[in-house]
Amino acid sequence: MNKENIWERNFTLLYCSKLVKVTADRLAFNSILWFLILDGKGAIGTSLLIAPSFHKQ
């Protein structure tokens, strides 16, 4: 096998894996936040604590 093809394949797998992880993390985070807001139990305080994480550094 060509080393370049192996590198391209590994990079593609790594990129796809990272994309799936980031998407799943965001979905889980947003779901928890929305369940807290809809449930109404401490949602405002929790959302104020979580809100800074929406802003990328």
PDB file of N, CA and C in Angstrom:
ATOM      1  N   MET A   1       0.830  -1.199   0.000  1.00  0.00           N
ATOM      2  CA  MET A   1       0.000   0.000   0.000  1.00  0.00           C
ATOM      3  C   MET A   1       0.862   1.245   0.000  1.00  0.00           C
ATOM      4  N   ASN A   2       0.297   2.261  -0.519  1.00  0.00           N
ATOM      5  CA  ASN A   2       0.989   3.536  -0.550  1.00  0.00           C
ATOM      6  C   ASN A   2       0.812   4.229   0.799  1.00  0.00           C
ATOM      7  N   LYS A   3       1.897   4.783   1.331  1.00  0.00           N
ATOM      8  CA  LYS A   3       1.822   5.446   2.634  1.00  0.00           C
ATOM      9  C   LYS A   3       0.879   6.640   2.613  1.00  0.00           C
ATOM     10  N   GLU A   4       0.821   7.322   1.491  1.00  0.00           N
ATOM     11  CA  GLU A   4      -0.060   8.482   1.391  1.00  0.00           C
ATOM     12  C   GLU A   4      -1.525   8.067   1.490  1.00  0.00           C
ATOM     13  N   ASN A   5      -1.880   6.956   0.879  1.00  0.00           N
ATOM     14  CA  ASN A   5      -3.263   6.483   0.955  1.00  0.00           C
ATOM     15  C   ASN A   5      -3.639   6.095   2.374  1.00  0.00           C
ATOM     16  N   ILE A   6      -2.702   5.480   3.095  1.00  0.00           N
ATOM     17  CA  ILE A   6      -2.967   5.112   4.489  1.00  0.00           C
ATOM     18  C   ILE A   6      -3.172   6.372   5.323  1.00  0.00           C
ATOM     19  N   TRP A   7      -2.324   7.384   5.099  1.00  0.00           N
ATOM     20  CA  TRP A   7      -2.458   8.630   5.846  1.00  0.00           C
ATOM     21  C   TRP A   7      -3.791   9.302   5.550  1.00  0.00           C
ATOM     22  N   GLU A   8      -4.180   9.347   4.281  1.00  0.00           N
ATOM     23  CA  GLU A   8      -5.456   9.966   3.908  1.00  0.00           C
ATOM     24  C   GLU A   8      -6.624   9.217   4.546  1.00  0.00           C
ATOM     25  N   ARG A   9      -6.559   7.898   4.546  1.00  0.00           N
ATOM     26  CA  ARG A   9      -7.641   7.107   5.142  1.00  0.00           C
ATOM     27  C   ARG A   9      -7.726   7.350   6.646  1.00  0.00           C
ATOM     28  N   ASN A  10      -6.570   7.352   7.309  1.00  0.00           N
ATOM     29  CA  ASN A  10      -6.559   7.585   8.756  1.00  0.00           C
ATOM     30  C   ASN A  10      -7.036   8.996   9.090  1.00  0.00           C
ATOM     31  N   PHE A  11      -6.644   9.973   8.291  1.00  0.00           N
ATOM     32  CA  PHE A  11      -7.095  11.339   8.522  1.00  0.00           C
ATOM     33  C   PHE A  11      -8.605  11.444   8.338  1.00  0.00           C
ATOM     34  N   THR A  12      -9.131  10.786   7.325  1.00  0.00           N
ATOM     35  CA  THR A  12     -10.573  10.809   7.081  1.00  0.00           C
ATOM     36  C   THR A  12     -11.329  10.164   8.238  1.00  0.00           C
ATOM     37  N   LEU A  13     -10.829   9.039   8.720  1.00  0.00           N
ATOM     38  CA  LEU A  13     -11.469   8.372   9.856  1.00  0.00           C
ATOM     39  C   LEU A  13     -11.413   9.242  11.107  1.00  0.00           C
ATOM     40  N   LEU A  14     -10.264   9.866  11.346  1.00  0.00           N
ATOM     41  CA  LEU A  14     -10.119  10.737  12.507  1.00  0.00           C
ATOM     42  C   LEU A  14     -11.055  11.935  12.408  1.00  0.00           C
ATOM     43  N   TYR A  15     -11.152  12.532  11.223  1.00  0.00           N
ATOM     44  CA  TYR A  15     -12.020  13.692  11.014  1.00  0.00           C
ATOM     45  C   TYR A  15     -13.483  13.313  11.240  1.00  0.00           C
ATOM     46  N   CYS A  16     -13.901  12.195  10.671  1.00  0.00           N
ATOM     47  CA  CYS A  16     -15.292  11.754  10.831  1.00  0.00           C
ATOM     48  C   CYS A  16     -15.596  11.432  12.283  1.00  0.00           C
ATOM     49  N   SER A  17     -14.656  10.797  12.960  1.00  0.00           N
ATOM     50  CA  SER A  17     -14.836  10.459  14.365  1.00  0.00           C
ATOM     51  C   SER A  17     -14.995  11.716  15.211  1.00  0.00           C
ATOM     52  N   LYS A  18     -14.153  12.694  14.964  1.00  0.00           N
ATOM     53  CA  LYS A  18     -14.233  13.958  15.706  1.00  0.00           C
ATOM     54  C   LYS A  18     -15.545  14.683  15.413  1.00  0.00           C
ATOM     55  N   LEU A  19     -15.981  14.666  14.173  1.00  0.00           N
ATOM     56  CA  LEU A  19     -17.232  15.311  13.791  1.00  0.00           C
ATOM     57  C   LEU A  19     -18.421  14.665  14.503  1.00  0.00           C
ATOM     58  N   VAL A  20     -18.434  13.341  14.563  1.00  0.00           N
ATOM     59  CA  VAL A  20     -19.517  12.632  15.251  1.00  0.00           C
ATOM     60  C   VAL A  20     -19.491  12.951  16.745  1.00  0.00           C
ATOM     61  N   LYS A  21     -18.303  12.980  17.343  1.00  0.00           N
ATOM     62  CA  LYS A  21     -18.185  13.260  18.772  1.00  0.00           C
ATOM     63  C   LYS A  21     -18.673  14.664  19.105  1.00  0.00           C
ATOM     64  N   VAL A  22     -18.250  15.654  18.338  1.00  0.00           N
ATOM     65  CA  VAL A  22     -18.663  17.033  18.599  1.00  0.00           C
ATOM     66  C   VAL A  22     -20.170  17.186  18.424  1.00  0.00           C
ATOM     67  N   THR A  23     -20.715  16.577  17.387  1.00  0.00           N
ATOM     68  CA  THR A  23     -22.158  16.645  17.152  1.00  0.00           C
ATOM     69  C   THR A  23     -22.931  15.996  18.292  1.00  0.00           C
ATOM     70  N   ALA A  24     -22.488  14.834  18.740  1.00  0.00           N
ATOM     71  CA  ALA A  24     -23.174  14.135  19.833  1.00  0.00           C
ATOM     72  C   ALA A  24     -23.076  14.916  21.142  1.00  0.00           C
ATOM     73  N   ASP A  25     -21.908  15.496  21.411  1.00  0.00           N
ATOM     74  CA  ASP A  25     -21.746  16.292  22.630  1.00  0.00           C
ATOM     75  C   ASP A  25     -22.663  17.501  22.623  1.00  0.00           C
ATOM     76  N   ARG A  26     -22.736  18.188  21.505  1.00  0.00           N
ATOM     77  CA  ARG A  26     -23.612  19.360  21.410  1.00  0.00           C
ATOM     78  C   ARG A  26     -25.088  18.980  21.549  1.00  0.00           C
ATOM     79  N   LEU A  27     -25.472  17.877  20.907  1.00  0.00           N
ATOM     80  CA  LEU A  27     -26.859  17.434  20.985  1.00  0.00           C
ATOM     81  C   LEU A  27     -27.228  17.082  22.426  1.00  0.00           C
ATOM     82  N   ALA A  28     -26.351  16.353  23.106  1.00  0.00           N
ATOM     83  CA  ALA A  28     -26.620  15.979  24.493  1.00  0.00           C
ATOM     84  C   ALA A  28     -26.690  17.213  25.380  1.00  0.00           C
ATOM     85  N   PHE A  29     -25.762  18.124  25.193  1.00  0.00           N
ATOM     86  CA  PHE A  29     -25.732  19.340  25.997  1.00  0.00           C
ATOM     87  C   PHE A  29     -26.988  20.172  25.788  1.00  0.00           C
ATOM     88  N   ASN A  30     -27.364  20.385  24.540  1.00  0.00           N
ATOM     89  CA  ASN A  30     -28.557  21.184  24.243  1.00  0.00           C
ATOM     90  C   ASN A  30     -29.820  20.496  24.734  1.00  0.00           C
ATOM     91  N   SER A  31     -29.877  19.173  24.648  1.00  0.00           N
ATOM     92  CA  SER A  31     -31.046  18.435  25.127  1.00  0.00           C
ATOM     93  C   SER A  31     -31.208  18.599  26.634  1.00  0.00           C
ATOM     94  N   ILE A  32     -30.106  18.475  27.368  1.00  0.00           N
ATOM     95  CA  ILE A  32     -30.176  18.642  28.824  1.00  0.00           C
ATOM     96  C   ILE A  32     -30.630  20.050  29.174  1.00  0.00           C
ATOM     97  N   LEU A  33     -30.071  21.041  28.485  1.00  0.00           N
ATOM     98  CA  LEU A  33     -30.460  22.424  28.758  1.00  0.00           C
ATOM     99  C   LEU A  33     -31.939  22.651  28.479  1.00  0.00           C
ATOM    100  N   TRP A  34     -32.434  22.137  27.351  1.00  0.00           N
ATOM    101  CA  TRP A  34     -33.846  22.338  27.026  1.00  0.00           C
ATOM    102  C   TRP A  34     -34.760  21.579  27.983  1.00  0.00           C
ATOM    103  N   PHE A  35     -34.368  20.388  28.424  1.00  0.00           N
ATOM    104  CA  PHE A  35     -35.181  19.670  29.410  1.00  0.00           C
ATOM    105  C   PHE A  35     -35.242  20.443  30.721  1.00  0.00           C
ATOM    106  N   LEU A  36     -34.135  21.069  31.111  1.00  0.00           N
ATOM    107  CA  LEU A  36     -34.155  21.880  32.330  1.00  0.00           C
ATOM    108  C   LEU A  36     -35.069  23.083  32.166  1.00  0.00           C
ATOM    109  N   ILE A  37     -35.017  23.719  31.011  1.00  0.00           N
ATOM    110  CA  ILE A  37     -35.863  24.892  30.776  1.00  0.00           C
ATOM    111  C   ILE A  37     -37.335  24.498  30.744  1.00  0.00           C
ATOM    112  N   LEU A  38     -37.649  23.408  30.046  1.00  0.00           N
ATOM    113  CA  LEU A  38     -39.044  22.986  29.952  1.00  0.00           C
ATOM    114  C   LEU A  38     -39.579  22.481  31.290  1.00  0.00           C
ATOM    115  N   ASP A  39     -38.717  21.840  32.078  1.00  0.00           N
ATOM    116  CA  ASP A  39     -39.135  21.322  33.371  1.00  0.00           C
ATOM    117  C   ASP A  39     -39.279  22.447  34.387  1.00  0.00           C
ATOM    118  N   GLY A  40     -38.457  23.475  34.249  1.00  0.00           N
ATOM    119  CA  GLY A  40     -38.582  24.646  35.106  1.00  0.00           C
ATOM    120  C   GLY A  40     -37.909  24.546  36.449  1.00  0.00           C
ATOM    121  N   LYS A  41     -37.188  23.481  36.724  1.00  0.00           N
ATOM    122  CA  LYS A  41     -36.553  23.310  38.035  1.00  0.00           C
ATOM    123  C   LYS A  41     -35.124  23.845  37.987  1.00  0.00           C
ATOM    124  N   GLY A  42     -34.955  25.066  38.388  1.00  0.00           N
ATOM    125  CA  GLY A  42     -33.630  25.665  38.426  1.00  0.00           C
ATOM    126  C   GLY A  42     -33.062  25.944  37.050  1.00  0.00           C
ATOM    127  N   ALA A  43     -33.940  26.082  36.084  1.00  0.00           N
ATOM    128  CA  ALA A  43     -33.471  26.234  34.703  1.00  0.00           C
ATOM    129  C   ALA A  43     -32.733  27.547  34.485  1.00  0.00           C
ATOM    130  N   ILE A  44     -33.189  28.615  35.111  1.00  0.00           N
ATOM    131  CA  ILE A  44     -32.551  29.912  34.875  1.00  0.00           C
ATOM    132  C   ILE A  44     -31.142  29.917  35.446  1.00  0.00           C
ATOM    133  N   GLY A  45     -30.998  29.454  36.684  1.00  0.00           N
ATOM    134  CA  GLY A  45     -29.669  29.415  37.287  1.00  0.00           C
ATOM    135  C   GLY A  45     -28.737  28.485  36.532  1.00  0.00           C
ATOM    136  N   THR A  46     -29.252  27.334  36.134  1.00  0.00           N
ATOM    137  CA  THR A  46     -28.431  26.380  35.398  1.00  0.00           C
ATOM    138  C   THR A  46     -28.046  26.934  34.038  1.00  0.00           C
ATOM    139  N   SER A  47     -28.986  27.555  33.357  1.00  0.00           N
ATOM    140  CA  SER A  47     -28.666  28.103  32.039  1.00  0.00           C
ATOM    141  C   SER A  47     -27.664  29.240  32.134  1.00  0.00           C
ATOM    142  N   LEU A  48     -27.709  30.016  33.212  1.00  0.00           N
ATOM    143  CA  LEU A  48     -26.716  31.078  33.383  1.00  0.00           C
ATOM    144  C   LEU A  48     -25.331  30.493  33.638  1.00  0.00           C
ATOM    145  N   LEU A  49     -25.278  29.359  34.317  1.00  0.00           N
ATOM    146  CA  LEU A  49     -23.988  28.718  34.546  1.00  0.00           C
ATOM    147  C   LEU A  49     -23.453  28.073  33.266  1.00  0.00           C
ATOM    148  N   ILE A  50     -24.351  27.563  32.437  1.00  0.00           N
ATOM    149  CA  ILE A  50     -23.941  26.849  31.230  1.00  0.00           C
ATOM    150  C   ILE A  50     -23.712  27.813  30.052  1.00  0.00           C
ATOM    151  N   ALA A  51     -24.361  28.950  30.043  1.00  0.00           N
ATOM    152  CA  ALA A  51     -24.315  29.872  28.911  1.00  0.00           C
ATOM    153  C   ALA A  51     -22.899  30.242  28.454  1.00  0.00           C
ATOM    154  N   PRO A  52     -21.942  30.466  29.339  1.00  0.00           N
ATOM    155  CA  PRO A  52     -20.601  30.820  28.847  1.00  0.00           C
ATOM    156  C   PRO A  52     -19.953  29.741  27.982  1.00  0.00           C
ATOM    157  N   SER A  53     -20.392  28.515  28.112  1.00  0.00           N
ATOM    158  CA  SER A  53     -19.790  27.457  27.296  1.00  0.00           C
ATOM    159  C   SER A  53     -20.233  27.544  25.843  1.00  0.00           C
ATOM    160  N   PHE A  54     -21.288  28.285  25.544  1.00  0.00           N
ATOM    161  CA  PHE A  54     -21.698  28.485  24.161  1.00  0.00           C
ATOM    162  C   PHE A  54     -20.716  29.388  23.414  1.00  0.00           C
ATOM    163  N   HIS A  55     -20.060  30.246  24.169  1.00  0.00           N
ATOM    164  CA  HIS A  55     -19.112  31.191  23.565  1.00  0.00           C
ATOM    165  C   HIS A  55     -17.747  30.528  23.452  1.00  0.00           C
ATOM    166  N   LYS A  56     -17.258  30.410  22.218  1.00  0.00           N
ATOM    167  CA  LYS A  56     -15.941  29.807  22.006  1.00  0.00           C
ATOM    168  C   LYS A  56     -14.856  30.811  22.370  1.00  0.00           C
ATOM    169  N   GLN A  57     -13.805  30.291  22.936  1.00  0.00           N
ATOM    170  CA  GLN A  57     -12.684  31.158  23.322  1.00  0.00           C
ATOM    171  C   GLN A  57     -11.799  31.450  22.145  1.00  0.00           C
TER     172      GLN A  57
END
